[in-house]
C-alpha cells in the first residue's frame, strides 16, 4: 500500500506539470476556444485514455526497460527536451502565440477526430512519458508491495489530478482568452512566462539522469 507521503508527492508533482503549458494544454485550450467547451471535453476524453496507456505501460515495466537500456531513455529524454524547447520558442519568438490565443485557422472536426487527436497529443507528450518512465518510480517503496501495484495506485493519483486541471483549462479557456485579448500586456506577460517555464522544463529534462529500475 502506498504511503500518504507518496500520494502527496505525486499529486504536487502532477499539479506543477499540469499547470505548466505543454502539448495537452495548448491543444485542449485551442479546441475549447475555437469549437466550444464540449469539443474540449471530448478531446480531454482522448487525453485521459492516453494517461491510462502510459499507466499500463509503466506497470508493465517501462521504467525497468529504460533502466536496462539507458540509450532508449536517452533518446526519449532528448527528443522530449527538444520538443519542449520547440514549444517554448513558439511562444517566446517575435510574433509567438499563447496557448490561449484563438486560432481562427483551426477547423471544426468530428467527435471521433477530437478524441483521437486528444489521445495522440497525450501519447506524444514528452512530459507525460518522462513522468511515468523517470519520475513516478522514485516514489516506490520496496516495503509497500509489488512495484506494478504501487505504480497503478500512483498513476491513478496522477490521472485524477491531471484530468481535474485539464477540465478547468477547458471550462476556463474561453474566458481566459477573452480576458487576455483585451489586455495585450497581460497576454504578453503570460506568453513569456509560459515560454520561460517550458524552456526551463526542457533544460531540466535534458539534464535528468537515467532512472533506477523499479
C-alpha atoms as a PDB file:
ATOM      1  CA  UNK A   1       0.000   0.000   0.000  1.00  0.00           C
ATOM      2  CA  UNK A   2       1.437   3.350  -0.996  1.00  0.00           C
ATOM      3  CA  UNK A   3       2.042   5.951   1.695  1.00  0.00           C
ATOM      4  CA  UNK A   4       0.330   9.313   2.055  1.00  0.00           C
ATOM      5  CA  UNK A   5       3.726  10.916   1.504  1.00  0.00           C
ATOM      6  CA  UNK A   6       3.979   9.246  -1.915  1.00  0.00           C
ATOM      7  CA  UNK A   7       0.412  10.262  -2.777  1.00  0.00           C
ATOM      8  CA  UNK A   8       1.074  13.882  -1.802  1.00  0.00           C
ATOM      9  CA  UNK A   9       4.375  13.922  -3.675  1.00  0.00           C
ATOM     10  CA  UNK A  10       2.855  12.614  -6.911  1.00  0.00           C
ATOM     11  CA  UNK A  11      -0.147  14.940  -6.585  1.00  0.00           C
ATOM     12  CA  UNK A  12       2.071  18.003  -6.168  1.00  0.00           C
ATOM     13  CA  UNK A  13       4.374  16.894  -8.980  1.00  0.00           C
ATOM     14  CA  UNK A  14       1.483  16.382 -11.393  1.00  0.00           C
ATOM     15  CA  UNK A  15      -0.142  19.651 -10.330  1.00  0.00           C
ATOM     16  CA  UNK A  16       3.035  21.540 -11.162  1.00  0.00           C
ATOM     17  CA  UNK A  17       3.399  19.767 -14.512  1.00  0.00           C
ATOM     18  CA  UNK A  18      -0.269  20.172 -15.438  1.00  0.00           C
ATOM     19  CA  UNK A  19      -0.143  23.903 -14.736  1.00  0.00           C
ATOM     20  CA  UNK A  20       2.933  24.282 -16.951  1.00  0.00           C
ATOM     21  CA  UNK A  21       1.758  24.935 -20.519  1.00  0.00           C
ATOM     22  CA  UNK A  22       2.531  21.978 -22.747  1.00  0.00           C
ATOM     23  CA  UNK A  23       1.046  19.998 -25.650  1.00  0.00           C
ATOM     24  CA  UNK A  24      -2.081  18.930 -23.737  1.00  0.00           C
ATOM     25  CA  UNK A  25      -2.927  22.412 -22.501  1.00  0.00           C
ATOM     26  CA  UNK A  26      -2.243  24.004 -25.891  1.00  0.00           C
ATOM     27  CA  UNK A  27      -4.455  21.515 -27.736  1.00  0.00           C
ATOM     28  CA  UNK A  28      -7.315  21.463 -25.227  1.00  0.00           C
ATOM     29  CA  UNK A  29      -7.401  25.245 -24.850  1.00  0.00           C
ATOM     30  CA  UNK A  30      -7.309  25.743 -28.622  1.00  0.00           C
ATOM     31  CA  UNK A  31     -10.184  23.323 -29.191  1.00  0.00           C
ATOM     32  CA  UNK A  32     -12.298  24.800 -26.396  1.00  0.00           C
ATOM     33  CA  UNK A  33     -11.764  28.314 -27.724  1.00  0.00           C
ATOM     34  CA  UNK A  34     -12.425  27.586 -31.409  1.00  0.00           C
ATOM     35  CA  UNK A  35     -15.042  24.807 -31.208  1.00  0.00           C
ATOM     36  CA  UNK A  36     -16.595  25.177 -27.751  1.00  0.00           C
ATOM     37  CA  UNK A  37     -16.352  23.564 -24.350  1.00  0.00           C
ATOM     38  CA  UNK A  38     -17.991  20.321 -25.486  1.00  0.00           C
ATOM     39  CA  UNK A  39     -15.265  19.822 -28.098  1.00  0.00           C
ATOM     40  CA  UNK A  40     -12.649  20.490 -25.441  1.00  0.00           C
ATOM     41  CA  UNK A  41     -14.184  17.885 -23.130  1.00  0.00           C
ATOM     42  CA  UNK A  42     -14.381  15.274 -25.916  1.00  0.00           C
ATOM     43  CA  UNK A  43     -10.707  15.948 -26.650  1.00  0.00           C
ATOM     44  CA  UNK A  44      -9.988  15.576 -22.946  1.00  0.00           C
ATOM     45  CA  UNK A  45     -11.552  12.098 -23.081  1.00  0.00           C
ATOM     46  CA  UNK A  46      -8.814  11.083 -25.505  1.00  0.00           C
ATOM     47  CA  UNK A  47      -6.203  12.701 -23.283  1.00  0.00           C
ATOM     48  CA  UNK A  48      -7.461  10.674 -20.303  1.00  0.00           C
ATOM     49  CA  UNK A  49      -7.174   7.422 -22.275  1.00  0.00           C
ATOM     50  CA  UNK A  50      -3.608   8.439 -23.118  1.00  0.00           C
ATOM     51  CA  UNK A  51      -2.881   8.683 -19.396  1.00  0.00           C
ATOM     52  CA  UNK A  52      -4.232   5.147 -18.955  1.00  0.00           C
ATOM     53  CA  UNK A  53      -1.990   3.860 -21.757  1.00  0.00           C
ATOM     54  CA  UNK A  54       1.074   5.280 -20.059  1.00  0.00           C
ATOM     55  CA  UNK A  55      -0.053   3.892 -16.713  1.00  0.00           C
ATOM     56  CA  UNK A  56      -0.413   0.368 -18.103  1.00  0.00           C
ATOM     57  CA  UNK A  57       2.938   0.645 -19.874  1.00  0.00           C
ATOM     58  CA  UNK A  58       4.615   1.753 -16.656  1.00  0.00           C
ATOM     59  CA  UNK A  59       3.056  -1.101 -14.706  1.00  0.00           C
ATOM     60  CA  UNK A  60       4.289  -3.491 -17.417  1.00  0.00           C
ATOM     61  CA  UNK A  61       7.869  -2.366 -16.870  1.00  0.00           C
ATOM     62  CA  UNK A  62       8.529   0.722 -18.997  1.00  0.00           C
ATOM     63  CA  UNK A  63      10.792   2.274 -16.366  1.00  0.00           C
ATOM     64  CA  UNK A  64      12.649  -1.029 -15.923  1.00  0.00           C
ATOM     65  CA  UNK A  65      13.206  -1.162 -19.683  1.00  0.00           C
ATOM     66  CA  UNK A  66      14.712   2.310 -19.700  1.00  0.00           C
ATOM     67  CA  UNK A  67      16.939   1.408 -16.740  1.00  0.00           C
ATOM     68  CA  UNK A  68      18.115  -1.761 -18.511  1.00  0.00           C
ATOM     69  CA  UNK A  69      18.652   0.011 -21.846  1.00  0.00           C
ATOM     70  CA  UNK A  70      19.907   3.516 -20.966  1.00  0.00           C
ATOM     71  CA  UNK A  71      20.194   4.550 -24.612  1.00  0.00           C
ATOM     72  CA  UNK A  72      16.419   4.136 -25.014  1.00  0.00           C
ATOM     73  CA  UNK A  73      15.817   6.536 -22.133  1.00  0.00           C
ATOM     74  CA  UNK A  74      18.422   8.933 -23.520  1.00  0.00           C
ATOM     75  CA  UNK A  75      16.681   9.034 -26.895  1.00  0.00           C
ATOM     76  CA  UNK A  76      13.281   9.695 -25.295  1.00  0.00           C
ATOM     77  CA  UNK A  77      14.796  12.255 -22.942  1.00  0.00           C
ATOM     78  CA  UNK A  78      16.446  14.371 -25.613  1.00  0.00           C
ATOM     79  CA  UNK A  79      13.508  14.025 -28.009  1.00  0.00           C
ATOM     80  CA  UNK A  80      11.217  15.276 -25.259  1.00  0.00           C
ATOM     81  CA  UNK A  81      13.584  18.102 -24.341  1.00  0.00           C
ATOM     82  CA  UNK A  82      13.831  19.175 -27.996  1.00  0.00           C
ATOM     83  CA  UNK A  83      10.032  19.163 -28.356  1.00  0.00           C
ATOM     84  CA  UNK A  84       9.550  21.238 -25.205  1.00  0.00           C
ATOM     85  CA  UNK A  85      12.221  23.667 -26.407  1.00  0.00           C
ATOM     86  CA  UNK A  86      10.361  23.926 -29.731  1.00  0.00           C
ATOM     87  CA  UNK A  87       7.118  24.766 -27.919  1.00  0.00           C
ATOM     88  CA  UNK A  88       8.943  27.324 -25.771  1.00  0.00           C
ATOM     89  CA  UNK A  89      10.401  29.012 -28.860  1.00  0.00           C
ATOM     90  CA  UNK A  90       6.949  29.114 -30.435  1.00  0.00           C
ATOM     91  CA  UNK A  91       5.817  31.293 -27.525  1.00  0.00           C
ATOM     92  CA  UNK A  92       8.973  33.371 -26.999  1.00  0.00           C
ATOM     93  CA  UNK A  93       9.867  34.233 -30.604  1.00  0.00           C
ATOM     94  CA  UNK A  94       8.659  37.539 -32.115  1.00  0.00           C
ATOM     95  CA  UNK A  95       5.026  37.043 -33.026  1.00  0.00           C
ATOM     96  CA  UNK A  96       4.792  33.924 -30.837  1.00  0.00           C
ATOM     97  CA  UNK A  97       1.461  32.627 -29.566  1.00  0.00           C
ATOM     98  CA  UNK A  98      -0.007  31.999 -26.137  1.00  0.00           C
ATOM     99  CA  UNK A  99      -1.926  28.744 -25.506  1.00  0.00           C
ATOM    100  CA  UNK A 100      -4.986  30.969 -25.054  1.00  0.00           C
ATOM    101  CA  UNK A 101      -4.650  32.842 -28.347  1.00  0.00           C
ATOM    102  CA  UNK A 102      -7.658  31.873 -30.512  1.00  0.00           C
ATOM    103  CA  UNK A 103      -6.574  30.019 -33.651  1.00  0.00           C
ATOM    104  CA  UNK A 104      -9.019  31.006 -36.360  1.00  0.00           C
ATOM    105  CA  UNK A 105      -7.368  28.549 -38.773  1.00  0.00           C
ATOM    106  CA  UNK A 106      -8.267  25.524 -36.624  1.00  0.00           C
ATOM    107  CA  UNK A 107     -11.189  23.869 -38.489  1.00  0.00           C
ATOM    108  CA  UNK A 108     -14.067  22.152 -36.631  1.00  0.00           C
ATOM    109  CA  UNK A 109     -13.784  18.349 -36.655  1.00  0.00           C
ATOM    110  CA  UNK A 110     -15.927  15.373 -35.598  1.00  0.00           C
ATOM    111  CA  UNK A 111     -16.084  13.934 -32.093  1.00  0.00           C
ATOM    112  CA  UNK A 112     -14.105  10.879 -33.196  1.00  0.00           C
ATOM    113  CA  UNK A 113     -11.397  13.137 -34.599  1.00  0.00           C
ATOM    114  CA  UNK A 114     -11.366  15.267 -31.450  1.00  0.00           C
ATOM    115  CA  UNK A 115     -10.999  12.167 -29.269  1.00  0.00           C
ATOM    116  CA  UNK A 116      -8.244  10.627 -31.399  1.00  0.00           C
ATOM    117  CA  UNK A 117      -6.302  13.890 -31.590  1.00  0.00           C
ATOM    118  CA  UNK A 118      -6.522  14.285 -27.811  1.00  0.00           C
ATOM    119  CA  UNK A 119      -5.237  10.728 -27.409  1.00  0.00           C
ATOM    120  CA  UNK A 120      -2.377  11.187 -29.875  1.00  0.00           C
ATOM    121  CA  UNK A 121      -1.363  14.545 -28.410  1.00  0.00           C
ATOM    122  CA  UNK A 122      -1.028  12.949 -24.978  1.00  0.00           C
ATOM    123  CA  UNK A 123       0.791   9.843 -26.231  1.00  0.00           C
ATOM    124  CA  UNK A 124       3.355  12.109 -27.914  1.00  0.00           C
ATOM    125  CA  UNK A 125       3.624  14.387 -24.866  1.00  0.00           C
ATOM    126  CA  UNK A 126       7.218  14.136 -23.576  1.00  0.00           C
ATOM    127  CA  UNK A 127       6.207  15.476 -20.161  1.00  0.00           C
ATOM    128  CA  UNK A 128       3.903  12.511 -19.550  1.00  0.00           C
ATOM    129  CA  UNK A 129       6.373   9.982 -20.962  1.00  0.00           C
ATOM    130  CA  UNK A 130       9.094  11.217 -18.626  1.00  0.00           C
ATOM    131  CA  UNK A 131       6.691  11.423 -15.685  1.00  0.00           C
ATOM    132  CA  UNK A 132       5.854   7.725 -15.921  1.00  0.00           C
ATOM    133  CA  UNK A 133       9.263   6.473 -17.027  1.00  0.00           C
ATOM    134  CA  UNK A 134      11.544   8.575 -14.858  1.00  0.00           C
ATOM    135  CA  UNK A 135       9.683  10.310 -12.037  1.00  0.00           C
ATOM    136  CA  UNK A 136       6.981   8.003 -10.655  1.00  0.00           C
ATOM    137  CA  UNK A 137       9.490   5.183  -9.954  1.00  0.00           C
ATOM    138  CA  UNK A 138      11.214   7.463  -7.424  1.00  0.00           C
ATOM    139  CA  UNK A 139       8.074   7.283  -5.232  1.00  0.00           C
ATOM    140  CA  UNK A 140       8.120   3.485  -4.996  1.00  0.00           C
ATOM    141  CA  UNK A 141       8.737   1.880  -1.611  1.00  0.00           C
ATOM    142  CA  UNK A 142      10.306  -1.619  -1.596  1.00  0.00           C
ATOM    143  CA  UNK A 143       8.354  -2.363   1.594  1.00  0.00           C
ATOM    144  CA  UNK A 144       4.981  -1.321   0.171  1.00  0.00           C
ATOM    145  CA  UNK A 145       4.360  -4.291  -2.129  1.00  0.00           C
ATOM    146  CA  UNK A 146       4.880  -5.081  -5.831  1.00  0.00           C
ATOM    147  CA  UNK A 147       6.157  -2.203  -7.951  1.00  0.00           C
ATOM    148  CA  UNK A 148       3.399  -2.665 -10.547  1.00  0.00           C
ATOM    149  CA  UNK A 149       0.687  -2.348  -7.893  1.00  0.00           C
ATOM    150  CA  UNK A 150       2.245   0.813  -6.494  1.00  0.00           C
ATOM    151  CA  UNK A 151       2.566   2.285  -9.994  1.00  0.00           C
ATOM    152  CA  UNK A 152      -1.121   1.642 -10.649  1.00  0.00           C
ATOM    153  CA  UNK A 153      -2.059   3.495  -7.467  1.00  0.00           C
ATOM    154  CA  UNK A 154       0.357   6.380  -8.029  1.00  0.00           C
ATOM    155  CA  UNK A 155      -0.726   6.615 -11.657  1.00  0.00           C
ATOM    156  CA  UNK A 156      -4.329   6.823 -10.503  1.00  0.00           C
ATOM    157  CA  UNK A 157      -3.416   9.842  -8.377  1.00  0.00           C
ATOM    158  CA  UNK A 158      -1.681  11.444 -11.376  1.00  0.00           C
ATOM    159  CA  UNK A 159      -4.675  10.863 -13.635  1.00  0.00           C
ATOM    160  CA  UNK A 160      -7.153  12.332 -11.144  1.00  0.00           C
ATOM    161  CA  UNK A 161      -5.070  15.492 -10.692  1.00  0.00           C
ATOM    162  CA  UNK A 162      -4.218  15.806 -14.393  1.00  0.00           C
ATOM    163  CA  UNK A 163      -7.786  15.371 -15.623  1.00  0.00           C
ATOM    164  CA  UNK A 164      -9.120  17.778 -12.987  1.00  0.00           C
ATOM    165  CA  UNK A 165      -6.681  20.505 -14.034  1.00  0.00           C
ATOM    166  CA  UNK A 166      -7.425  19.931 -17.713  1.00  0.00           C
ATOM    167  CA  UNK A 167     -11.191  20.120 -17.112  1.00  0.00           C
ATOM    168  CA  UNK A 168     -10.621  23.533 -15.556  1.00  0.00           C
ATOM    169  CA  UNK A 169      -8.478  24.519 -18.565  1.00  0.00           C
ATOM    170  CA  UNK A 170     -11.275  23.531 -20.968  1.00  0.00           C
ATOM    171  CA  UNK A 171     -14.009  25.242 -18.955  1.00  0.00           C
ATOM    172  CA  UNK A 172     -11.999  28.414 -18.428  1.00  0.00           C
ATOM    173  CA  UNK A 173     -10.205  28.671 -21.786  1.00  0.00           C
ATOM    174  CA  UNK A 174     -12.793  30.862 -23.498  1.00  0.00           C
ATOM    175  CA  UNK A 175     -12.992  33.245 -20.529  1.00  0.00           C
ATOM    176  CA  UNK A 176      -9.206  33.461 -20.180  1.00  0.00           C
ATOM    177  CA  UNK A 177      -8.855  34.045 -23.927  1.00  0.00           C
ATOM    178  CA  UNK A 178     -11.364  36.897 -23.829  1.00  0.00           C
ATOM    179  CA  UNK A 179      -9.744  38.388 -20.726  1.00  0.00           C
ATOM    180  CA  UNK A 180      -6.269  38.343 -22.284  1.00  0.00           C
ATOM    181  CA  UNK A 181      -7.436  39.530 -25.716  1.00  0.00           C
ATOM    182  CA  UNK A 182      -8.350  42.982 -24.365  1.00  0.00           C
ATOM    183  CA  UNK A 183      -5.219  43.156 -22.201  1.00  0.00           C
ATOM    184  CA  UNK A 184      -2.253  42.814 -24.578  1.00  0.00           C
ATOM    185  CA  UNK A 185       0.340  43.453 -21.870  1.00  0.00           C
ATOM    186  CA  UNK A 186      -1.074  40.696 -19.691  1.00  0.00           C
ATOM    187  CA  UNK A 187      -1.220  38.401 -22.736  1.00  0.00           C
ATOM    188  CA  UNK A 188       2.454  39.142 -23.456  1.00  0.00           C
ATOM    189  CA  UNK A 189       3.413  38.523 -19.831  1.00  0.00           C
ATOM    190  CA  UNK A 190       1.518  35.228 -19.822  1.00  0.00           C
ATOM    191  CA  UNK A 191       3.148  34.186 -23.095  1.00  0.00           C
ATOM    192  CA  UNK A 192       6.691  34.926 -21.905  1.00  0.00           C
ATOM    193  CA  UNK A 193       6.064  33.291 -18.531  1.00  0.00           C
ATOM    194  CA  UNK A 194       4.687  30.154 -20.173  1.00  0.00           C
ATOM    195  CA  UNK A 195       7.526  30.062 -22.694  1.00  0.00           C
ATOM    196  CA  UNK A 196      10.099  30.531 -19.967  1.00  0.00           C
ATOM    197  CA  UNK A 197       8.645  27.699 -17.907  1.00  0.00           C
ATOM    198  CA  UNK A 198       8.623  25.387 -20.927  1.00  0.00           C
ATOM    199  CA  UNK A 199      12.237  26.307 -21.670  1.00  0.00           C
ATOM    200  CA  UNK A 200      13.240  25.594 -18.081  1.00  0.00           C
ATOM    201  CA  UNK A 201      11.478  22.241 -18.187  1.00  0.00           C
ATOM    202  CA  UNK A 202      13.243  21.413 -21.470  1.00  0.00           C
ATOM    203  CA  UNK A 203      16.607  22.091 -19.822  1.00  0.00           C
ATOM    204  CA  UNK A 204      15.665  20.090 -16.743  1.00  0.00           C
ATOM    205  CA  UNK A 205      14.550  17.198 -18.945  1.00  0.00           C
ATOM    206  CA  UNK A 206      17.804  17.211 -20.901  1.00  0.00           C
ATOM    207  CA  UNK A 207      19.859  17.155 -17.687  1.00  0.00           C
ATOM    208  CA  UNK A 208      17.809  14.454 -15.927  1.00  0.00           C
ATOM    209  CA  UNK A 209      19.507  11.184 -15.070  1.00  0.00           C
ATOM    210  CA  UNK A 210      18.612   7.691 -16.205  1.00  0.00           C
ATOM    211  CA  UNK A 211      16.005   6.296 -13.772  1.00  0.00           C
ATOM    212  CA  UNK A 212      16.723   3.415 -11.489  1.00  0.00           C
ATOM    213  CA  UNK A 213      14.916   0.158 -12.112  1.00  0.00           C
ATOM    214  CA  UNK A 214      11.516  -0.196 -10.433  1.00  0.00           C
END
